[in-house]
């Protein structure tokens, strides 16, 4: 509300204010990319490297297609899909930021319904599964790798509610070796 110098009071208005914190990723020593040993993109089968499915900059955590944290490294695809990589011999952990890419806000009609899960499996053993992540949500992944680990599989699920603009982005993902 506003009050004039004379004491006249305006009607009360309610305004929603969203405060977003910047997504802060752990920088890997070895990025993953198109060097996978096996992969399958969901829905249309496409996998995009260092760009969103909608040909824009990878972005997570926004409340629109333009106000999230931008990333120059990453992979984007529709769920349900997966990626498989060989693990470098000296890798200590696998890191990344995962969520629905903010570009899904541009998907007319149902972009707001997007949701995914991400499961990290190393040598056949599930080491991490995210919570259900919806539009504007993300999770930092930091999985300690067992000594001598050989292969990592990253699965993107549709979170059990159907394939609806599940434009997943895995940003700043790779292996920490130091």
N, C-alpha and C. Protein backbone atom coordinates (compact mmCIF):
# COMPACT_ATOMS: atom_id res chain seq x y z
N UNK A 1 0.84 -1.17 0.00
CA UNK A 1 0.00 0.00 0.00
C UNK A 1 0.88 1.23 0.00
N UNK A 2 0.30 2.33 -0.34
CA UNK A 2 1.03 3.60 -0.34
C UNK A 2 0.25 4.59 0.51
N UNK A 3 0.99 5.52 1.14
CA UNK A 3 0.38 6.56 1.97
C UNK A 3 0.88 7.90 1.46
N UNK A 4 -0.05 8.81 1.19
CA UNK A 4 0.33 10.15 0.73
C UNK A 4 0.80 10.99 1.91
N UNK A 5 1.42 12.17 1.63
CA UNK A 5 1.85 13.07 2.70
C UNK A 5 0.68 13.48 3.57
N UNK A 6 -0.51 13.52 2.97
CA UNK A 6 -1.70 13.90 3.72
C UNK A 6 -2.32 12.77 4.50
N UNK A 7 -1.77 11.57 4.40
CA UNK A 7 -2.27 10.44 5.18
C UNK A 7 -3.28 9.57 4.47
N UNK A 8 -3.55 9.87 3.20
CA UNK A 8 -4.49 9.05 2.45
C UNK A 8 -3.83 7.72 2.10
N UNK A 9 -4.55 6.61 2.34
CA UNK A 9 -4.02 5.26 2.15
C UNK A 9 -4.61 4.64 0.89
N UNK A 10 -3.73 4.07 0.07
CA UNK A 10 -4.18 3.39 -1.15
C UNK A 10 -4.67 1.99 -0.81
N UNK A 11 -5.37 1.36 -1.76
CA UNK A 11 -5.74 -0.05 -1.55
C UNK A 11 -4.48 -0.92 -1.44
N UNK A 12 -4.59 -2.01 -0.71
CA UNK A 12 -3.48 -2.95 -0.52
C UNK A 12 -3.38 -3.83 -1.77
N UNK A 13 -2.15 -3.99 -2.26
CA UNK A 13 -1.88 -4.88 -3.40
C UNK A 13 -0.89 -5.94 -2.95
N UNK A 14 -1.09 -7.14 -3.46
CA UNK A 14 -0.16 -8.23 -3.17
C UNK A 14 0.62 -8.53 -4.44
N UNK A 15 1.94 -8.65 -4.29
CA UNK A 15 2.82 -8.92 -5.41
C UNK A 15 3.70 -10.10 -5.04
N UNK A 16 3.81 -11.07 -5.96
CA UNK A 16 4.68 -12.22 -5.75
C UNK A 16 6.08 -11.87 -6.25
N UNK A 17 7.07 -12.06 -5.40
CA UNK A 17 8.47 -11.80 -5.76
C UNK A 17 9.22 -13.11 -5.65
N UNK A 18 9.90 -13.51 -6.73
CA UNK A 18 10.72 -14.72 -6.72
C UNK A 18 12.18 -14.34 -6.61
N UNK A 19 12.86 -14.93 -5.64
CA UNK A 19 14.28 -14.71 -5.47
C UNK A 19 14.99 -16.00 -5.85
N UNK A 20 15.85 -15.93 -6.83
CA UNK A 20 16.58 -17.10 -7.31
C UNK A 20 18.04 -16.98 -6.92
N UNK A 21 18.57 -18.05 -6.35
CA UNK A 21 20.01 -18.04 -6.10
C UNK A 21 20.72 -18.63 -7.31
N UNK A 22 21.91 -18.17 -7.55
CA UNK A 22 22.70 -18.66 -8.68
C UNK A 22 23.10 -20.10 -8.43
N UNK A 23 22.99 -20.93 -9.45
CA UNK A 23 23.41 -22.31 -9.37
C UNK A 23 24.93 -22.33 -9.40
N UNK A 24 25.54 -22.97 -8.44
CA UNK A 24 26.99 -23.03 -8.37
C UNK A 24 27.44 -24.48 -8.53
N UNK A 25 28.05 -24.78 -9.65
CA UNK A 25 28.46 -26.15 -9.96
C UNK A 25 29.91 -26.40 -9.59
N UNK A 26 30.21 -27.66 -9.30
CA UNK A 26 31.59 -28.11 -9.13
C UNK A 26 32.14 -28.31 -10.54
N UNK A 27 33.29 -27.75 -10.82
CA UNK A 27 33.88 -27.88 -12.16
C UNK A 27 34.66 -29.19 -12.25
N UNK A 28 34.28 -30.06 -13.20
CA UNK A 28 35.03 -31.32 -13.35
C UNK A 28 36.37 -31.08 -14.04
N UNK A 29 37.29 -32.01 -13.85
CA UNK A 29 38.57 -31.97 -14.56
C UNK A 29 38.43 -32.56 -15.97
N UNK A 30 37.50 -33.50 -16.14
CA UNK A 30 37.24 -34.13 -17.43
C UNK A 30 35.73 -34.07 -17.70
N UNK A 31 35.34 -33.25 -18.68
CA UNK A 31 33.92 -33.14 -19.02
C UNK A 31 33.46 -34.35 -19.82
N UNK A 32 32.19 -34.73 -19.65
CA UNK A 32 31.61 -35.73 -20.54
C UNK A 32 30.97 -34.99 -21.71
N UNK A 33 30.78 -35.71 -22.80
CA UNK A 33 30.19 -35.12 -23.99
C UNK A 33 29.73 -36.20 -24.93
N UNK A 34 30.11 -36.07 -26.21
CA UNK A 34 29.67 -37.06 -27.20
C UNK A 34 30.60 -38.28 -27.26
N UNK A 35 31.45 -38.44 -26.24
CA UNK A 35 32.37 -39.57 -26.19
C UNK A 35 31.78 -40.77 -25.45
N UNK A 36 30.47 -40.86 -25.34
CA UNK A 36 29.83 -41.97 -24.65
C UNK A 36 30.03 -43.27 -25.42
N UNK A 37 29.93 -44.39 -24.72
CA UNK A 37 30.05 -45.70 -25.35
C UNK A 37 28.69 -46.24 -25.77
N UNK A 38 27.64 -45.69 -25.19
CA UNK A 38 26.27 -46.07 -25.53
C UNK A 38 25.38 -44.91 -25.09
N UNK A 39 24.30 -44.70 -25.82
CA UNK A 39 23.38 -43.61 -25.47
C UNK A 39 22.07 -43.78 -26.21
N UNK A 40 21.02 -43.25 -25.60
CA UNK A 40 19.71 -43.24 -26.24
C UNK A 40 18.97 -42.01 -25.74
N UNK A 41 18.63 -41.12 -26.66
CA UNK A 41 17.82 -39.97 -26.30
C UNK A 41 16.36 -40.39 -26.22
N UNK A 42 15.60 -39.77 -25.35
CA UNK A 42 14.18 -40.06 -25.23
C UNK A 42 13.38 -39.43 -26.36
N UNK A 43 12.10 -39.61 -26.35
CA UNK A 43 11.09 -39.11 -27.29
C UNK A 43 11.57 -39.06 -28.74
N UNK A 44 12.35 -38.04 -29.15
CA UNK A 44 12.76 -37.94 -30.57
C UNK A 44 14.11 -38.60 -30.83
N UNK A 45 14.77 -39.12 -29.80
CA UNK A 45 16.04 -39.82 -29.96
C UNK A 45 17.26 -38.92 -30.06
N UNK A 46 17.07 -37.61 -30.11
CA UNK A 46 18.20 -36.70 -30.27
C UNK A 46 18.90 -36.41 -28.95
N UNK A 47 20.20 -36.20 -29.04
CA UNK A 47 21.03 -35.79 -27.90
C UNK A 47 21.77 -34.55 -28.34
N UNK A 48 21.75 -33.52 -27.50
CA UNK A 48 22.36 -32.23 -27.84
C UNK A 48 23.52 -31.98 -26.88
N UNK A 49 24.62 -31.45 -27.44
CA UNK A 49 25.84 -31.21 -26.67
C UNK A 49 26.11 -29.72 -26.59
N UNK A 50 26.26 -29.22 -25.37
CA UNK A 50 26.58 -27.81 -25.09
C UNK A 50 25.50 -26.84 -25.57
N UNK A 51 24.27 -27.32 -25.74
CA UNK A 51 23.15 -26.48 -26.15
C UNK A 51 21.86 -27.19 -25.73
N UNK A 52 20.82 -26.42 -25.47
CA UNK A 52 19.55 -27.03 -25.07
C UNK A 52 18.86 -27.67 -26.26
N UNK A 53 17.84 -28.44 -25.99
CA UNK A 53 17.05 -29.06 -27.05
C UNK A 53 16.39 -28.03 -27.94
N UNK A 54 16.17 -26.84 -27.42
CA UNK A 54 15.52 -25.77 -28.17
C UNK A 54 16.55 -24.80 -28.77
N UNK A 55 17.79 -25.29 -28.94
CA UNK A 55 18.87 -24.50 -29.55
C UNK A 55 19.16 -23.19 -28.84
N UNK A 56 19.09 -23.21 -27.52
CA UNK A 56 19.47 -22.04 -26.73
C UNK A 56 20.54 -22.47 -25.73
N UNK A 57 21.05 -21.52 -24.98
CA UNK A 57 22.06 -21.81 -23.97
C UNK A 57 21.44 -22.67 -22.87
N UNK A 58 22.18 -23.68 -22.42
CA UNK A 58 21.71 -24.51 -21.31
C UNK A 58 21.47 -23.63 -20.09
N UNK A 59 20.37 -23.87 -19.40
CA UNK A 59 20.00 -23.01 -18.27
C UNK A 59 19.18 -23.82 -17.26
N UNK A 60 19.48 -23.64 -15.98
CA UNK A 60 18.76 -24.33 -14.90
C UNK A 60 18.34 -23.35 -13.82
N UNK A 61 17.25 -23.67 -13.14
CA UNK A 61 16.83 -22.94 -11.95
C UNK A 61 16.04 -21.68 -12.18
N UNK A 62 15.61 -21.42 -13.40
CA UNK A 62 14.89 -20.19 -13.69
C UNK A 62 13.40 -20.30 -13.42
N UNK A 63 12.75 -19.14 -13.43
CA UNK A 63 11.29 -19.09 -13.33
C UNK A 63 10.69 -18.73 -14.68
N UNK A 64 11.56 -18.63 -15.69
CA UNK A 64 11.14 -18.42 -17.09
C UNK A 64 12.26 -18.98 -17.96
N UNK A 65 12.09 -18.87 -19.27
CA UNK A 65 13.10 -19.39 -20.19
C UNK A 65 14.37 -18.55 -20.20
N UNK A 66 14.36 -17.38 -19.55
CA UNK A 66 15.51 -16.48 -19.70
C UNK A 66 16.20 -16.07 -18.40
N UNK A 67 15.73 -16.50 -17.22
CA UNK A 67 16.35 -15.96 -16.01
C UNK A 67 17.08 -16.98 -15.14
N UNK A 68 17.35 -18.18 -15.65
CA UNK A 68 18.10 -19.16 -14.88
C UNK A 68 19.60 -18.99 -15.03
N UNK A 69 20.36 -19.85 -14.36
CA UNK A 69 21.82 -19.84 -14.46
C UNK A 69 22.22 -20.52 -15.76
N UNK A 70 23.06 -19.87 -16.54
CA UNK A 70 23.49 -20.36 -17.86
C UNK A 70 24.76 -21.20 -17.72
N UNK A 71 24.86 -22.22 -18.58
CA UNK A 71 26.02 -23.11 -18.58
C UNK A 71 26.53 -23.28 -20.00
N UNK A 72 27.85 -23.32 -20.17
CA UNK A 72 28.41 -23.52 -21.51
C UNK A 72 28.69 -24.99 -21.81
N UNK A 73 28.77 -25.83 -20.78
CA UNK A 73 29.02 -27.26 -20.98
C UNK A 73 27.81 -28.06 -20.50
N UNK A 74 27.43 -29.04 -21.30
CA UNK A 74 26.35 -29.91 -20.85
C UNK A 74 25.73 -30.72 -21.97
N UNK A 75 24.75 -31.51 -21.57
CA UNK A 75 24.04 -32.40 -22.47
C UNK A 75 22.56 -32.21 -22.23
N UNK A 76 21.79 -32.23 -23.31
CA UNK A 76 20.34 -32.07 -23.21
C UNK A 76 19.66 -33.12 -24.07
N UNK A 77 18.55 -33.63 -23.57
CA UNK A 77 17.74 -34.61 -24.31
C UNK A 77 16.38 -34.68 -23.65
N UNK A 78 15.47 -35.39 -24.28
CA UNK A 78 14.20 -35.70 -23.65
C UNK A 78 14.36 -36.97 -22.82
N UNK A 79 13.66 -37.00 -21.68
CA UNK A 79 13.56 -38.25 -20.93
C UNK A 79 12.54 -39.12 -21.68
N UNK A 80 12.54 -40.36 -21.58
CA UNK A 80 13.48 -41.21 -20.88
C UNK A 80 14.64 -41.56 -21.84
N UNK A 81 15.84 -41.39 -21.33
CA UNK A 81 17.02 -41.66 -22.11
C UNK A 81 18.19 -41.98 -21.20
N UNK A 82 19.32 -42.30 -21.78
CA UNK A 82 20.49 -42.63 -20.97
C UNK A 82 21.78 -42.36 -21.72
N UNK A 83 22.86 -42.31 -20.96
CA UNK A 83 24.22 -42.14 -21.47
C UNK A 83 25.12 -43.11 -20.71
N UNK A 84 26.10 -43.71 -21.40
CA UNK A 84 27.07 -44.60 -20.75
C UNK A 84 28.47 -44.12 -21.13
N UNK A 85 29.35 -44.01 -20.13
CA UNK A 85 30.72 -43.55 -20.35
C UNK A 85 31.71 -44.48 -19.66
N UNK A 86 32.90 -44.57 -20.23
CA UNK A 86 34.03 -45.18 -19.53
C UNK A 86 34.51 -44.18 -18.49
N UNK A 87 34.90 -44.68 -17.35
CA UNK A 87 35.40 -43.83 -16.26
C UNK A 87 36.92 -43.76 -16.36
N UNK A 88 37.49 -42.54 -16.36
CA UNK A 88 38.96 -42.43 -16.37
C UNK A 88 39.56 -43.16 -15.16
N UNK A 89 40.72 -43.77 -15.35
CA UNK A 89 41.36 -44.57 -14.30
C UNK A 89 41.59 -43.79 -13.01
N UNK A 90 41.85 -42.50 -13.10
CA UNK A 90 42.17 -41.71 -11.90
C UNK A 90 40.98 -40.91 -11.37
N UNK A 91 39.76 -41.20 -11.84
CA UNK A 91 38.58 -40.43 -11.41
C UNK A 91 38.21 -40.74 -9.96
N UNK A 92 37.94 -39.69 -9.22
CA UNK A 92 37.56 -39.83 -7.81
C UNK A 92 36.05 -39.66 -7.60
N UNK A 93 35.42 -38.80 -8.45
CA UNK A 93 33.99 -38.58 -8.32
C UNK A 93 33.39 -38.14 -9.66
N UNK A 94 32.07 -38.28 -9.75
CA UNK A 94 31.32 -37.79 -10.89
C UNK A 94 30.46 -36.65 -10.39
N UNK A 95 30.49 -35.51 -11.11
CA UNK A 95 29.76 -34.32 -10.68
C UNK A 95 28.92 -33.76 -11.84
N UNK A 96 27.94 -32.97 -11.50
CA UNK A 96 27.12 -32.29 -12.49
C UNK A 96 25.91 -31.63 -11.85
N UNK A 97 25.22 -30.82 -12.63
CA UNK A 97 23.97 -30.19 -12.21
C UNK A 97 22.89 -30.72 -13.15
N UNK A 98 21.79 -31.22 -12.62
CA UNK A 98 20.75 -31.82 -13.46
C UNK A 98 19.39 -31.22 -13.12
N UNK A 99 18.58 -31.05 -14.14
CA UNK A 99 17.22 -30.57 -13.95
C UNK A 99 16.53 -30.41 -15.30
N UNK A 100 15.34 -29.83 -15.28
CA UNK A 100 14.63 -29.51 -16.50
C UNK A 100 15.25 -28.22 -17.05
N UNK A 101 15.70 -28.26 -18.31
CA UNK A 101 16.26 -27.05 -18.91
C UNK A 101 15.18 -25.96 -18.96
N UNK A 102 15.59 -24.74 -18.63
CA UNK A 102 14.64 -23.62 -18.60
C UNK A 102 13.96 -23.37 -19.94
N UNK A 103 14.56 -23.83 -21.03
CA UNK A 103 13.93 -23.63 -22.34
C UNK A 103 12.58 -24.33 -22.44
N UNK A 104 12.30 -25.29 -21.55
CA UNK A 104 11.01 -25.98 -21.56
C UNK A 104 9.85 -25.02 -21.28
N UNK A 105 10.14 -23.87 -20.65
CA UNK A 105 9.08 -22.87 -20.44
C UNK A 105 8.50 -22.40 -21.77
N UNK A 106 9.28 -22.50 -22.85
CA UNK A 106 8.81 -22.07 -24.17
C UNK A 106 7.91 -23.09 -24.85
N UNK A 107 7.80 -24.29 -24.29
CA UNK A 107 6.96 -25.32 -24.89
C UNK A 107 5.50 -25.01 -24.59
N UNK A 108 4.82 -24.49 -25.57
CA UNK A 108 3.46 -24.00 -25.41
C UNK A 108 2.54 -25.06 -24.81
N UNK A 109 1.79 -24.67 -23.82
CA UNK A 109 0.75 -25.52 -23.26
C UNK A 109 1.17 -26.44 -22.15
N UNK A 110 2.31 -27.14 -22.29
CA UNK A 110 2.61 -28.13 -21.26
C UNK A 110 4.05 -28.14 -20.75
N UNK A 111 4.83 -27.13 -21.06
CA UNK A 111 6.20 -27.05 -20.55
C UNK A 111 6.25 -27.05 -19.03
N UNK A 112 5.23 -26.49 -18.39
CA UNK A 112 5.18 -26.44 -16.93
C UNK A 112 4.98 -27.82 -16.29
N UNK A 113 4.61 -28.82 -17.09
CA UNK A 113 4.39 -30.17 -16.58
C UNK A 113 5.66 -31.01 -16.56
N UNK A 114 6.76 -30.49 -17.07
CA UNK A 114 8.00 -31.26 -17.20
C UNK A 114 8.50 -31.73 -15.84
N UNK A 115 8.98 -32.97 -15.79
CA UNK A 115 9.61 -33.49 -14.58
C UNK A 115 10.48 -34.69 -14.95
N UNK A 116 11.56 -34.85 -14.19
CA UNK A 116 12.50 -35.95 -14.46
C UNK A 116 13.07 -36.48 -13.16
N UNK A 117 13.72 -37.63 -13.27
CA UNK A 117 14.63 -38.12 -12.25
C UNK A 117 15.93 -38.46 -12.97
N UNK A 118 17.01 -38.53 -12.22
CA UNK A 118 18.31 -38.91 -12.77
C UNK A 118 18.92 -39.96 -11.84
N UNK A 119 19.33 -41.07 -12.44
CA UNK A 119 19.93 -42.16 -11.67
C UNK A 119 21.35 -42.40 -12.19
N UNK A 120 22.30 -42.46 -11.25
CA UNK A 120 23.70 -42.71 -11.57
C UNK A 120 24.04 -44.14 -11.13
N UNK A 121 24.45 -44.95 -12.11
CA UNK A 121 24.81 -46.35 -11.85
C UNK A 121 26.26 -46.56 -12.26
N UNK A 122 27.06 -47.12 -11.36
CA UNK A 122 28.47 -47.38 -11.64
C UNK A 122 28.72 -48.88 -11.55
N UNK A 123 29.22 -49.43 -12.64
CA UNK A 123 29.50 -50.87 -12.72
C UNK A 123 28.32 -51.71 -12.22
N UNK A 124 27.12 -51.33 -12.62
CA UNK A 124 25.92 -52.09 -12.29
C UNK A 124 25.31 -51.79 -10.94
N UNK A 125 25.91 -50.90 -10.14
CA UNK A 125 25.39 -50.57 -8.81
C UNK A 125 24.87 -49.14 -8.80
N UNK A 126 23.59 -48.97 -8.43
CA UNK A 126 23.01 -47.63 -8.33
C UNK A 126 23.65 -46.90 -7.15
N UNK A 127 24.27 -45.75 -7.43
CA UNK A 127 24.92 -44.97 -6.38
C UNK A 127 24.15 -43.71 -6.01
N UNK A 128 23.26 -43.25 -6.91
CA UNK A 128 22.52 -42.02 -6.61
C UNK A 128 21.29 -41.92 -7.50
N UNK A 129 20.17 -41.51 -6.91
CA UNK A 129 18.97 -41.17 -7.66
C UNK A 129 18.44 -39.86 -7.11
N UNK A 130 18.16 -38.93 -8.00
CA UNK A 130 17.65 -37.63 -7.57
C UNK A 130 16.20 -37.75 -7.12
N UNK A 131 15.74 -36.73 -6.47
CA UNK A 131 14.31 -36.57 -6.21
C UNK A 131 13.64 -36.25 -7.54
N UNK A 132 12.33 -36.25 -7.58
CA UNK A 132 11.60 -35.79 -8.76
C UNK A 132 11.88 -34.30 -8.91
N UNK A 133 12.38 -33.92 -10.09
CA UNK A 133 12.74 -32.53 -10.35
C UNK A 133 11.79 -31.95 -11.38
N UNK A 134 11.11 -30.87 -11.04
CA UNK A 134 10.20 -30.20 -11.94
C UNK A 134 10.80 -28.92 -12.48
N UNK A 135 10.00 -28.19 -13.22
CA UNK A 135 10.45 -26.94 -13.84
C UNK A 135 11.01 -26.00 -12.78
N UNK A 136 12.21 -25.46 -13.04
CA UNK A 136 12.86 -24.54 -12.12
C UNK A 136 13.66 -25.21 -11.02
N UNK A 137 13.57 -26.54 -10.92
CA UNK A 137 14.30 -27.26 -9.89
C UNK A 137 15.53 -27.93 -10.49
N UNK A 138 16.55 -28.12 -9.68
CA UNK A 138 17.78 -28.77 -10.11
C UNK A 138 18.41 -29.44 -8.90
N UNK A 139 19.34 -30.33 -9.18
CA UNK A 139 20.07 -30.98 -8.10
C UNK A 139 21.54 -31.09 -8.48
N UNK A 140 22.39 -30.82 -7.52
CA UNK A 140 23.82 -31.00 -7.75
C UNK A 140 24.16 -32.45 -7.46
N UNK A 141 24.85 -33.06 -8.40
CA UNK A 141 25.29 -34.45 -8.25
C UNK A 141 26.77 -34.44 -7.91
N UNK A 142 27.14 -35.19 -6.89
CA UNK A 142 28.54 -35.35 -6.51
C UNK A 142 28.67 -36.76 -5.95
N UNK A 143 28.98 -37.71 -6.82
CA UNK A 143 29.01 -39.13 -6.47
C UNK A 143 30.46 -39.59 -6.37
N UNK A 144 30.84 -40.09 -5.20
CA UNK A 144 32.17 -40.67 -5.03
C UNK A 144 32.22 -42.00 -5.78
N UNK A 145 33.26 -42.16 -6.58
CA UNK A 145 33.40 -43.37 -7.39
C UNK A 145 34.24 -44.41 -6.66
N UNK A 146 33.81 -45.67 -6.69
CA UNK A 146 34.62 -46.72 -6.07
C UNK A 146 35.96 -46.85 -6.80
N UNK A 147 36.99 -47.19 -6.08
CA UNK A 147 38.30 -47.37 -6.69
C UNK A 147 38.21 -48.45 -7.76
N UNK A 148 38.79 -48.18 -8.91
CA UNK A 148 38.80 -49.13 -10.01
C UNK A 148 37.51 -49.17 -10.83
N UNK A 149 36.57 -48.24 -10.58
CA UNK A 149 35.31 -48.23 -11.32
C UNK A 149 35.59 -48.07 -12.81
N UNK A 150 34.81 -48.76 -13.64
CA UNK A 150 35.05 -48.80 -15.09
C UNK A 150 34.01 -48.06 -15.91
N UNK A 151 32.73 -48.16 -15.53
CA UNK A 151 31.66 -47.65 -16.39
C UNK A 151 30.58 -46.94 -15.57
N UNK A 152 30.09 -45.83 -16.12
CA UNK A 152 29.01 -45.08 -15.47
C UNK A 152 27.85 -44.96 -16.46
N UNK A 153 26.65 -45.17 -15.94
CA UNK A 153 25.43 -45.02 -16.74
C UNK A 153 24.58 -43.94 -16.06
N UNK A 154 24.12 -43.00 -16.87
CA UNK A 154 23.29 -41.90 -16.39
C UNK A 154 21.92 -42.05 -17.05
N UNK A 155 20.91 -42.36 -16.24
CA UNK A 155 19.55 -42.56 -16.74
C UNK A 155 18.68 -41.36 -16.39
N UNK A 156 17.92 -40.89 -17.37
CA UNK A 156 16.96 -39.81 -17.16
C UNK A 156 15.56 -40.40 -17.29
N UNK A 157 14.81 -40.42 -16.19
CA UNK A 157 13.46 -40.94 -16.20
C UNK A 157 12.44 -39.82 -16.29
N UNK A 158 11.21 -40.19 -16.59
CA UNK A 158 10.15 -39.18 -16.73
C UNK A 158 9.45 -38.88 -15.41
N UNK A 159 9.96 -39.35 -14.30
CA UNK A 159 9.45 -39.12 -12.95
C UNK A 159 8.08 -39.76 -12.72
N UNK A 160 7.69 -40.67 -13.61
CA UNK A 160 6.47 -41.43 -13.40
C UNK A 160 5.19 -40.75 -13.81
N UNK A 161 5.28 -39.56 -14.40
CA UNK A 161 4.04 -38.85 -14.75
C UNK A 161 3.90 -38.65 -16.26
N UNK A 162 4.60 -39.44 -17.03
CA UNK A 162 4.47 -39.38 -18.48
C UNK A 162 5.46 -38.44 -19.14
N UNK A 163 5.66 -38.65 -20.41
CA UNK A 163 6.59 -37.82 -21.18
C UNK A 163 5.85 -36.55 -21.60
N UNK A 164 6.19 -35.46 -20.95
CA UNK A 164 5.57 -34.17 -21.24
C UNK A 164 6.64 -33.09 -21.17
N UNK A 165 7.27 -32.78 -22.28
CA UNK A 165 8.30 -31.73 -22.34
C UNK A 165 9.39 -31.94 -21.30
N UNK A 166 9.76 -33.21 -21.08
CA UNK A 166 10.79 -33.53 -20.09
C UNK A 166 12.17 -33.24 -20.67
N UNK A 167 12.46 -31.97 -20.91
CA UNK A 167 13.72 -31.52 -21.51
C UNK A 167 14.79 -31.46 -20.42
N UNK A 168 15.49 -32.57 -20.24
CA UNK A 168 16.50 -32.65 -19.19
C UNK A 168 17.79 -31.99 -19.66
N UNK A 169 18.47 -31.35 -18.72
CA UNK A 169 19.81 -30.79 -18.97
C UNK A 169 20.74 -31.30 -17.87
N UNK A 170 21.88 -31.84 -18.27
CA UNK A 170 22.93 -32.25 -17.34
C UNK A 170 24.11 -31.33 -17.64
N UNK A 171 24.35 -30.38 -16.75
CA UNK A 171 25.32 -29.31 -17.00
C UNK A 171 26.57 -29.48 -16.15
N UNK A 172 27.70 -28.99 -16.70
CA UNK A 172 28.99 -29.04 -16.02
C UNK A 172 29.27 -30.43 -15.49
N UNK A 173 28.97 -31.45 -16.27
CA UNK A 173 29.08 -32.83 -15.83
C UNK A 173 30.39 -33.45 -16.28
N UNK A 174 30.95 -34.26 -15.37
CA UNK A 174 32.18 -34.96 -15.69
C UNK A 174 32.83 -35.54 -14.47
N UNK A 175 34.11 -35.81 -14.61
CA UNK A 175 34.86 -36.51 -13.58
C UNK A 175 35.87 -35.58 -12.90
N UNK A 176 35.94 -35.70 -11.58
CA UNK A 176 36.97 -35.01 -10.80
C UNK A 176 38.09 -36.00 -10.61
N UNK A 177 39.30 -35.62 -11.01
CA UNK A 177 40.44 -36.54 -10.96
C UNK A 177 41.50 -36.12 -9.94
N UNK A 178 41.40 -34.91 -9.42
CA UNK A 178 42.42 -34.41 -8.49
C UNK A 178 41.94 -34.41 -7.07
